[in-house]
Amino acid sequence: MAKSKLSSPFAKNLSALLEERGITVRDAARKIGVSPSTIVDWKSGVSPTDYEAVRKLSRLLGVSLCYLLTGFEESATSSPPPISSVFEPG
């Protein structure tokens, strides 16, 4: 897991949503079953490898998985951005 110098859409969304919802890293980590350092890593640009934890995180934050990862909502008329852009610096 390599850290990026610039934040990915996922890292930016995660940081913003945690702040907006008033959820601490420690509380989020406890609720989704990962260590606080894992969430800190994700916020700093490390790509997640635990899909289930990210899915739980999206539910905790009250957003779709697609929104958490990309900042976009999926709809019948639009397609999500390419997966290569999800974890790369924006």
C-alpha atoms as a PDB file:
ATOM      1  CA  MET A   1       0.000   0.000   0.000  1.00  0.00           C
ATOM      2  CA  ALA A   2       1.775   3.095  -1.194  1.00  0.00           C
ATOM      3  CA  LYS A   3       0.885   6.546   0.034  1.00  0.00           C
ATOM      4  CA  SER A   4       0.263   9.230  -2.521  1.00  0.00           C
ATOM      5  CA  LYS A   5       1.438  12.820  -2.217  1.00  0.00           C
ATOM      6  CA  LEU A   6      -1.960  14.129  -3.274  1.00  0.00           C
ATOM      7  CA  SER A   7      -5.247  12.900  -1.919  1.00  0.00           C
ATOM      8  CA  SER A   8      -7.419  10.587  -3.960  1.00  0.00           C
ATOM      9  CA  PRO A   9     -11.152  11.260  -4.326  1.00  0.00           C
ATOM     10  CA  PHE A  10     -11.737   8.521  -1.730  1.00  0.00           C
ATOM     11  CA  ALA A  11      -9.363  10.139   0.785  1.00  0.00           C
ATOM     12  CA  LYS A  12     -10.908  13.577   0.265  1.00  0.00           C
ATOM     13  CA  ASN A  13     -14.463  12.263   0.569  1.00  0.00           C
ATOM     14  CA  LEU A  14     -13.635  10.222   3.650  1.00  0.00           C
ATOM     15  CA  SER A  15     -12.046  13.179   5.432  1.00  0.00           C
ATOM     16  CA  ALA A  16     -14.898  15.527   4.543  1.00  0.00           C
ATOM     17  CA  LEU A  17     -17.654  13.078   5.476  1.00  0.00           C
ATOM     18  CA  LEU A  18     -16.112  12.199   8.831  1.00  0.00           C
ATOM     19  CA  GLU A  19     -15.826  15.888   9.652  1.00  0.00           C
ATOM     20  CA  GLU A  20     -19.336  16.741   8.401  1.00  0.00           C
ATOM     21  CA  ARG A  21     -20.860  13.891  10.405  1.00  0.00           C
ATOM     22  CA  GLY A  22     -18.815  14.613  13.529  1.00  0.00           C
ATOM     23  CA  ILE A  23     -17.478  11.053  13.582  1.00  0.00           C
ATOM     24  CA  THR A  24     -14.005  10.540  14.991  1.00  0.00           C
ATOM     25  CA  VAL A  25     -11.480   8.219  13.416  1.00  0.00           C
ATOM     26  CA  ARG A  26     -11.530   6.108  16.580  1.00  0.00           C
ATOM     27  CA  ASP A  27     -15.346   5.754  16.557  1.00  0.00           C
ATOM     28  CA  ALA A  28     -15.475   4.967  12.850  1.00  0.00           C
ATOM     29  CA  ALA A  29     -12.726   2.366  13.206  1.00  0.00           C
ATOM     30  CA  ARG A  30     -14.474   0.683  16.126  1.00  0.00           C
ATOM     31  CA  LYS A  31     -17.807   0.573  14.309  1.00  0.00           C
ATOM     32  CA  ILE A  32     -16.424  -0.942  11.097  1.00  0.00           C
ATOM     33  CA  GLY A  33     -13.889  -3.272  12.684  1.00  0.00           C
ATOM     34  CA  VAL A  34     -10.543  -1.805  11.642  1.00  0.00           C
ATOM     35  CA  SER A  35      -7.776  -0.046  13.549  1.00  0.00           C
ATOM     36  CA  PRO A  36      -7.806   3.751  13.784  1.00  0.00           C
ATOM     37  CA  SER A  37      -4.459   3.761  11.975  1.00  0.00           C
ATOM     38  CA  THR A  38      -6.151   2.104   8.974  1.00  0.00           C
ATOM     39  CA  ILE A  39      -8.584   4.989   8.648  1.00  0.00           C
ATOM     40  CA  VAL A  40      -5.790   7.519   9.153  1.00  0.00           C
ATOM     41  CA  ASP A  41      -3.910   5.781   6.332  1.00  0.00           C
ATOM     42  CA  TRP A  42      -6.987   5.924   4.082  1.00  0.00           C
ATOM     43  CA  LYS A  43      -7.419   9.636   4.838  1.00  0.00           C
ATOM     44  CA  SER A  44      -3.791  10.242   3.869  1.00  0.00           C
ATOM     45  CA  GLY A  45      -4.127   8.498   0.519  1.00  0.00           C
ATOM     46  CA  VAL A  46      -3.425   4.811   1.130  1.00  0.00           C
ATOM     47  CA  SER A  47      -5.687   2.680  -1.063  1.00  0.00           C
ATOM     48  CA  PRO A  48      -7.952   0.399   0.953  1.00  0.00           C
ATOM     49  CA  THR A  49      -7.667  -3.337   0.491  1.00  0.00           C
ATOM     50  CA  ASP A  50     -10.622  -4.345   2.680  1.00  0.00           C
ATOM     51  CA  TYR A  51     -13.726  -3.914   0.523  1.00  0.00           C
ATOM     52  CA  GLU A  52     -16.077  -5.026   3.287  1.00  0.00           C
ATOM     53  CA  ALA A  53     -14.702  -2.400   5.697  1.00  0.00           C
ATOM     54  CA  VAL A  54     -15.130   0.326   3.081  1.00  0.00           C
ATOM     55  CA  ARG A  55     -18.686  -0.848   2.436  1.00  0.00           C
ATOM     56  CA  LYS A  56     -19.435  -0.687   6.184  1.00  0.00           C
ATOM     57  CA  LEU A  57     -17.860   2.759   6.285  1.00  0.00           C
ATOM     58  CA  SER A  58     -20.142   4.015   3.516  1.00  0.00           C
ATOM     59  CA  ARG A  59     -23.180   2.807   5.487  1.00  0.00           C
ATOM     60  CA  LEU A  60     -21.870   4.431   8.673  1.00  0.00           C
ATOM     61  CA  LEU A  61     -21.404   7.717   6.831  1.00  0.00           C
ATOM     62  CA  GLY A  62     -24.843   7.463   5.211  1.00  0.00           C
ATOM     63  CA  VAL A  63     -23.644   7.540   1.613  1.00  0.00           C
ATOM     64  CA  SER A  64     -23.440   5.032  -1.197  1.00  0.00           C
ATOM     65  CA  LEU A  65     -20.232   3.117  -1.756  1.00  0.00           C
ATOM     66  CA  CYS A  66     -19.932   4.794  -5.145  1.00  0.00           C
ATOM     67  CA  TYR A  67     -20.199   8.241  -3.558  1.00  0.00           C
ATOM     68  CA  LEU A  68     -17.620   7.471  -0.885  1.00  0.00           C
ATOM     69  CA  LEU A  69     -15.154   6.166  -3.459  1.00  0.00           C
ATOM     70  CA  THR A  70     -15.697   8.732  -6.200  1.00  0.00           C
ATOM     71  CA  GLY A  71     -17.806  11.644  -5.010  1.00  0.00           C
ATOM     72  CA  PHE A  72     -20.426  10.791  -7.619  1.00  0.00           C
ATOM     73  CA  GLU A  73     -23.762   9.044  -7.253  1.00  0.00           C
ATOM     74  CA  GLU A  74     -24.532   6.299  -9.718  1.00  0.00           C
ATOM     75  CA  SER A  75     -27.682   6.731 -11.736  1.00  0.00           C
ATOM     76  CA  ALA A  76     -29.375   4.958 -14.592  1.00  0.00           C
ATOM     77  CA  THR A  77     -28.231   7.677 -16.984  1.00  0.00           C
ATOM     78  CA  SER A  78     -24.647   8.111 -15.871  1.00  0.00           C
ATOM     79  CA  SER A  79     -21.750   5.822 -15.385  1.00  0.00           C
ATOM     80  CA  PRO A  80     -19.189   6.044 -12.603  1.00  0.00           C
ATOM     81  CA  PRO A  81     -15.675   7.239 -13.387  1.00  0.00           C
ATOM     82  CA  PRO A  82     -13.073   4.631 -14.337  1.00  0.00           C
ATOM     83  CA  ILE A  83     -11.749   2.611 -11.401  1.00  0.00           C
ATOM     84  CA  SER A  84      -8.236   3.832 -12.163  1.00  0.00           C
ATOM     85  CA  SER A  85      -9.271   7.335 -11.126  1.00  0.00           C
ATOM     86  CA  VAL A  86     -10.823   6.299  -7.809  1.00  0.00           C
ATOM     87  CA  PHE A  87      -7.656   5.841  -5.787  1.00  0.00           C
ATOM     88  CA  GLU A  88      -5.268   7.983  -7.806  1.00  0.00           C
ATOM     89  CA  PRO A  89      -4.560  11.572  -6.781  1.00  0.00           C
ATOM     90  CA  GLY A  90      -7.031  14.008  -8.228  1.00  0.00           C
END
